[in-house]
Protein backbone atom coordinates (compact mmCIF):
# COMPACT_ATOMS: atom_id res chain seq x y z
CA UNK A 1 50.29 66.63 83.02
CA UNK A 2 46.93 65.55 83.61
CA UNK A 3 44.60 66.58 80.94
CA UNK A 4 43.96 70.13 80.42
CA UNK A 5 40.09 69.27 79.40
CA UNK A 6 37.74 71.39 80.65
CA UNK A 7 33.35 70.07 80.76
CA UNK A 8 31.48 72.08 78.80
CA UNK A 9 28.77 73.32 80.88
CA UNK A 10 29.64 75.66 83.93
CA UNK A 11 29.81 73.56 87.34
CA UNK A 12 29.55 70.87 85.70
CA UNK A 13 32.75 67.89 87.22
CA UNK A 14 34.64 65.67 85.19
CA UNK A 15 34.03 62.76 85.98
CA UNK A 16 37.30 60.90 84.80
CA UNK A 17 40.44 61.02 85.80
CA UNK A 18 42.14 61.04 83.21
CA UNK A 19 41.34 59.06 79.85
CA UNK A 20 42.42 55.53 80.87
CA UNK A 21 39.55 55.52 82.86
CA UNK A 22 36.88 55.42 80.02
CA UNK A 23 39.62 52.51 78.56
CA UNK A 24 39.95 50.29 81.86
CA UNK A 25 36.41 50.27 81.73
CA UNK A 26 35.85 48.86 78.49
CA UNK A 27 38.45 45.99 79.13
CA UNK A 28 36.34 45.19 82.23
CA UNK A 29 33.02 45.72 79.81
CA UNK A 30 34.13 43.30 77.52
CA UNK A 31 36.51 40.40 78.59
CA UNK A 32 37.46 38.30 75.40
CA UNK A 33 38.14 34.65 76.26
CA UNK A 34 40.43 34.42 73.62
CA UNK A 35 41.82 37.80 73.68
CA UNK A 36 45.61 38.92 73.75
CA UNK A 37 45.84 40.01 77.46
CA UNK A 38 48.95 37.16 79.14
CA UNK A 39 49.09 38.90 82.98
CA UNK A 40 45.51 38.00 84.07
CA UNK A 41 42.15 35.38 82.67
CA UNK A 42 39.06 37.44 81.66
CA UNK A 43 37.41 36.29 84.83
CA UNK A 44 39.46 37.99 86.75
CA UNK A 45 37.97 41.07 85.37
CA UNK A 46 35.27 43.61 87.36
CA UNK A 47 31.81 43.07 86.00
CA UNK A 48 30.61 45.63 84.59
CA UNK A 49 27.02 45.94 86.76
CA UNK A 50 29.35 47.04 89.49
CA UNK A 51 32.09 49.71 88.13
CA UNK A 52 34.47 49.77 90.93
CA UNK A 53 34.24 53.83 89.90
CA UNK A 54 31.79 56.37 89.80
CA UNK A 55 33.28 58.45 87.80
CA UNK A 56 32.17 56.37 85.02
CA UNK A 57 28.60 56.40 85.17
CA UNK A 58 29.09 59.89 85.76
CA UNK A 59 30.65 60.25 82.43
CA UNK A 60 27.91 58.41 80.59
CA UNK A 61 25.01 60.39 81.96
CA UNK A 62 26.57 63.56 80.74
CA UNK A 63 27.29 61.62 77.30
CA UNK A 64 24.29 60.71 76.59
CA UNK A 65 22.84 63.65 78.10
CA UNK A 66 24.80 65.56 75.54
CA UNK A 67 24.98 63.76 72.84
CA UNK A 68 22.48 64.95 70.81
CA UNK A 69 22.29 65.26 66.98
CA UNK A 70 22.64 68.95 66.91
CA UNK A 71 25.50 69.13 68.93
CA UNK A 72 27.10 66.67 66.98
CA UNK A 73 26.29 68.46 63.77
CA UNK A 74 28.24 71.15 65.98
CA UNK A 75 31.56 69.79 66.85
CA UNK A 76 31.63 68.28 62.72
CA UNK A 77 31.53 71.51 61.24
CA UNK A 78 34.69 73.21 63.91
CA UNK A 79 36.53 70.49 64.47
CA UNK A 80 36.64 68.74 60.64
CA UNK A 81 38.23 71.70 59.24
CA UNK A 82 41.66 70.94 60.58
CA UNK A 83 42.41 74.24 61.34
CA UNK A 84 43.33 74.03 64.98
CA UNK A 85 46.56 73.23 64.40
CA UNK A 86 49.92 71.86 62.42
CA UNK A 87 52.06 69.96 63.65
CA UNK A 88 54.48 66.78 62.54
CA UNK A 89 52.95 63.56 63.78
CA UNK A 90 55.71 62.83 66.67
CA UNK A 91 55.57 66.33 67.72
CA UNK A 92 51.97 65.43 67.71
CA UNK A 93 52.37 62.69 70.26
CA UNK A 94 54.14 64.68 72.79
CA UNK A 95 50.77 67.29 72.71
CA UNK A 96 48.23 63.44 73.35
CA UNK A 97 50.90 62.25 75.79
CA UNK A 98 49.83 65.80 78.11
CA UNK A 99 46.60 63.96 78.59
CA UNK A 100 48.37 60.97 81.04
CA UNK A 101 46.83 62.00 84.37
CA UNK A 102 50.09 61.21 87.17
CA UNK A 103 47.54 60.55 90.24
CA UNK A 104 45.74 57.95 88.14
CA UNK A 105 46.40 54.38 90.44
CA UNK A 106 45.61 52.07 86.88
CA UNK A 107 47.61 52.49 84.77
CA UNK A 108 51.97 54.48 84.89
CA UNK A 109 51.57 54.66 80.74
CA UNK A 110 51.52 57.22 78.67
CA UNK A 111 49.20 57.38 75.55
CA UNK A 112 52.02 56.77 73.14
CA UNK A 113 52.92 53.43 75.03
CA UNK A 114 49.91 52.63 74.85
CA UNK A 115 50.15 52.80 71.44
CA UNK A 116 53.15 51.10 70.69
CA UNK A 117 51.30 48.14 73.06
CA UNK A 118 48.65 47.99 70.43
CA UNK A 119 50.70 48.79 67.21
CA UNK A 120 52.82 45.77 68.62
CA UNK A 121 50.99 43.01 68.98
CA UNK A 122 49.76 43.64 65.56
CA UNK A 123 53.03 43.47 64.65
CA UNK A 124 53.35 40.45 66.08
CA UNK A 125 50.87 38.46 65.31
CA UNK A 126 51.22 39.04 61.65
CA UNK A 127 49.20 41.46 59.96
CA UNK A 128 50.05 44.03 57.16
CA UNK A 129 51.31 46.91 57.95
CA UNK A 130 48.46 49.46 57.16
CA UNK A 131 47.05 47.25 60.27
CA UNK A 132 50.20 48.53 62.35
CA UNK A 133 49.39 52.45 61.68
CA UNK A 134 45.74 51.46 62.55
CA UNK A 135 47.15 50.74 65.98
CA UNK A 136 49.52 53.50 66.46
CA UNK A 137 47.08 56.06 65.13
CA UNK A 138 43.26 54.61 66.64
CA UNK A 139 43.86 57.17 69.53
CA UNK A 140 45.13 59.95 68.16
CA UNK A 141 41.34 61.45 67.90
CA UNK A 142 41.70 62.18 71.89
CA UNK A 143 44.28 65.39 70.68
CA UNK A 144 40.32 67.40 71.04
CA UNK A 145 40.66 66.95 74.94
CA UNK A 146 43.94 69.97 74.29
CA UNK A 147 42.05 72.16 72.59
CA UNK A 148 39.41 72.01 75.27
CA UNK A 149 36.89 69.23 74.87
CA UNK A 150 35.70 67.40 78.10
CA UNK A 151 35.85 63.69 77.82
CA UNK A 152 32.65 62.73 77.89
CA UNK A 153 32.87 64.38 73.74
CA UNK A 154 36.34 62.38 72.83
CA UNK A 155 35.50 58.73 74.60
CA UNK A 156 33.18 56.47 75.36
CA UNK A 157 31.38 53.79 73.77
CA UNK A 158 29.73 55.69 70.39
CA UNK A 159 26.56 54.71 68.95
CA UNK A 160 23.91 56.25 66.17
CA UNK A 161 22.73 60.10 66.56
CA UNK A 162 19.82 61.11 64.80
CA UNK A 163 16.91 57.99 65.46
CA UNK A 164 16.40 55.35 69.15
CA UNK A 165 19.19 54.41 70.71
CA UNK A 166 19.23 51.01 71.74
CA UNK A 167 18.71 49.66 74.74
CA UNK A 168 21.93 47.34 74.79
CA UNK A 169 24.36 50.44 74.67
CA UNK A 170 25.61 51.12 78.39
CA UNK A 171 23.46 52.95 80.81
CA UNK A 172 20.89 53.48 78.41
CA UNK A 173 18.55 54.84 81.06
CA UNK A 174 20.66 58.39 80.48
CA UNK A 175 18.69 58.58 77.54
CA UNK A 176 16.14 59.88 78.59
CA UNK A 177 18.30 63.43 79.68
CA UNK A 178 18.44 63.89 76.44
CA UNK A 179 16.75 66.17 73.60
CA UNK A 180 16.15 64.06 71.21
CA UNK A 181 14.87 60.97 72.66
CA UNK A 182 11.36 62.63 73.44
CA UNK A 183 11.79 64.77 69.39
CA UNK A 184 9.82 63.23 67.17
CA UNK A 185 12.42 63.75 64.31
CA UNK A 186 15.17 61.68 65.69
CA UNK A 187 13.42 58.84 68.49
CA UNK A 188 11.70 56.24 65.65
CA UNK A 189 13.97 53.29 64.79
CA UNK A 190 14.82 54.94 61.41
CA UNK A 191 14.63 58.46 62.34
CA UNK A 192 15.65 60.74 60.15
CA UNK A 193 17.85 57.69 58.20
CA UNK A 194 16.19 55.14 55.59
CA UNK A 195 16.25 51.81 55.85
CA UNK A 196 20.08 50.03 55.06
CA UNK A 197 21.20 53.50 54.43
CA UNK A 198 25.22 52.88 55.13
CA UNK A 199 26.72 53.85 58.50
CA UNK A 200 28.54 56.08 56.13
CA UNK A 201 25.35 57.84 56.17
CA UNK A 202 24.90 57.51 59.08
CA UNK A 203 26.05 60.33 62.27
CA UNK A 204 28.15 59.00 65.16
CA UNK A 205 28.25 60.43 68.75
CA UNK A 206 31.04 63.17 68.72
CA UNK A 207 34.70 61.60 69.76
CA UNK A 208 38.42 60.45 68.76
CA UNK A 209 36.65 57.35 66.70
CA UNK A 210 35.14 60.19 63.72
CA UNK A 211 38.03 62.50 64.67
CA UNK A 212 40.66 60.01 63.23
CA UNK A 213 39.28 58.81 60.63
CA UNK A 214 38.53 62.05 58.81
CA UNK A 215 42.19 62.50 59.63
CA UNK A 216 43.36 59.26 57.78
CA UNK A 217 40.87 59.11 55.45
CA UNK A 218 43.66 60.16 52.79
CA UNK A 219 46.45 58.00 53.84
CA UNK A 220 44.70 54.26 54.42
CA UNK A 221 43.04 51.61 53.23
CA UNK A 222 39.07 50.72 53.74
CA UNK A 223 39.21 48.46 56.25
CA UNK A 224 41.80 50.62 58.19
CA UNK A 225 38.85 53.41 58.25
CA UNK A 226 36.71 51.55 59.10
CA UNK A 227 38.90 49.77 62.26
CA UNK A 228 39.32 53.53 63.34
CA UNK A 229 36.12 55.14 62.45
CA UNK A 230 33.81 52.14 64.45
CA UNK A 231 36.40 50.86 67.47
CA UNK A 232 34.07 52.29 70.11
CA UNK A 233 30.57 51.69 68.21
CA UNK A 234 30.12 48.28 70.75
CA UNK A 235 26.58 48.14 70.36
CA UNK A 236 27.14 47.21 66.69
CA UNK A 237 30.65 44.80 66.78
CA UNK A 238 29.39 43.60 69.77
CA UNK A 239 25.34 43.33 70.46
CA UNK A 240 24.67 43.05 67.08
CA UNK A 241 22.29 46.62 67.23
CA UNK A 242 21.50 48.45 63.83
CA UNK A 243 21.61 46.12 61.50
CA UNK A 244 18.52 47.65 59.86
CA UNK A 245 20.87 50.46 58.91
CA UNK A 246 23.95 48.48 57.83
CA UNK A 247 24.52 48.42 54.05
CA UNK A 248 26.57 44.80 52.66
CA UNK A 249 29.66 47.32 52.46
CA UNK A 250 28.98 47.85 56.34
CA UNK A 251 27.95 43.88 56.57
CA UNK A 252 31.73 43.06 54.80
CA UNK A 253 33.68 45.29 56.76
CA UNK A 254 32.23 44.40 60.40
CA UNK A 255 35.09 41.39 60.59
CA UNK A 256 37.72 44.05 60.23
CA UNK A 257 36.50 46.09 63.19
CA UNK A 258 36.31 42.95 64.99
CA UNK A 259 39.52 42.07 64.17
CA UNK A 260 41.33 45.16 65.01
CA UNK A 261 39.47 45.34 69.03
CA UNK A 262 40.78 42.87 70.61
CA UNK A 263 44.68 44.31 69.98
CA UNK A 264 43.11 47.79 70.73
CA UNK A 265 41.66 46.29 74.49
CA UNK A 266 44.07 43.88 75.61
CA UNK A 267 47.72 44.21 74.47
CA UNK A 268 48.50 46.49 77.51
CA UNK A 269 50.99 45.48 79.81
CA UNK A 270 52.73 46.79 82.68
CA UNK A 271 56.05 46.98 81.00
CA UNK A 272 56.54 49.59 78.33
CA UNK A 273 57.85 49.02 74.41
CA UNK A 274 61.78 49.56 73.91
CA UNK A 275 61.59 53.03 72.28
CA UNK A 276 64.96 53.23 71.22
CA UNK A 277 64.66 49.64 69.95
CA UNK A 278 61.56 50.33 67.81
CA UNK A 279 62.16 53.79 66.96
CA UNK A 280 63.52 52.86 63.46
CA UNK A 281 60.60 51.35 62.51
CA UNK A 282 58.04 53.42 63.00
CA UNK A 283 59.85 56.46 61.87
CA UNK A 284 60.01 54.88 58.36
CA UNK A 285 56.03 53.24 58.85
CA UNK A 286 55.33 56.45 59.07
CA UNK A 287 56.60 58.50 56.56
CA UNK A 288 55.53 55.72 54.39
CA UNK A 289 51.68 56.50 54.96
CA UNK A 290 51.69 60.34 56.54
CA UNK A 291 53.13 63.47 55.22
CA UNK A 292 55.16 65.34 56.57
CA UNK A 293 52.83 67.65 58.83
CA UNK A 294 49.19 66.33 60.40
CA UNK A 295 46.13 69.06 60.38
CA UNK A 296 44.29 69.13 63.53
């Protein structure tokens, strides 16, 4: 079933056919020679300078134009109350799978299968159970789309708001359309922040990373929470930007974010996991870490 998400602004076309398009684009932009992918070499991935889909560029035009500091605060105040819906996690996975667009030519796997492939790759490499849980839950924040949020406010590379934008963020030229770009409160290096204030004091562009972090913050260890909260913050963990905002704790946690990232990007393959075989393990794992129901 295709996503029912609609754009925030009247007349704006939804730039992506499915959420998987952004994930596929990330895979193309950040090929890793030590990746987990087995089906093709990193040389086979397309160059980001010439993206195959115009929808990706339009996605970032909208994202960079409308992800202002005020927009982020508005979304935090709205969604971090977690008062929209309450349901068992297994119902939530079914809810998430409504985001799949059956017409998408790039993948025939639903969101839940992607989560299982990620968590299974982590489990095969012998990482602790809490990290397997991170793999299983890392995209749960995409349920935002099912509350009417446009895709540019759910997925996409994340970045700090309230300070100057790095030119290492994808399509940085589109930030010139953002009202904060010329706002003297926000357009300097530190903006509203202090040097080395720590990422926990920095407001990130709104999306599924922050939402799932807030959802899981009482249920997973700190290392796993950093994986959830910053797995789309590529200008930090891939490009080395925003070092002047980091504290010592951020620097220590960076290695965990980098450890998780390849499992998210490169675990996809055309063969879906055998859920009937995996079901007993994951039912037990989820019961160990999560309450009977989750609030959204």
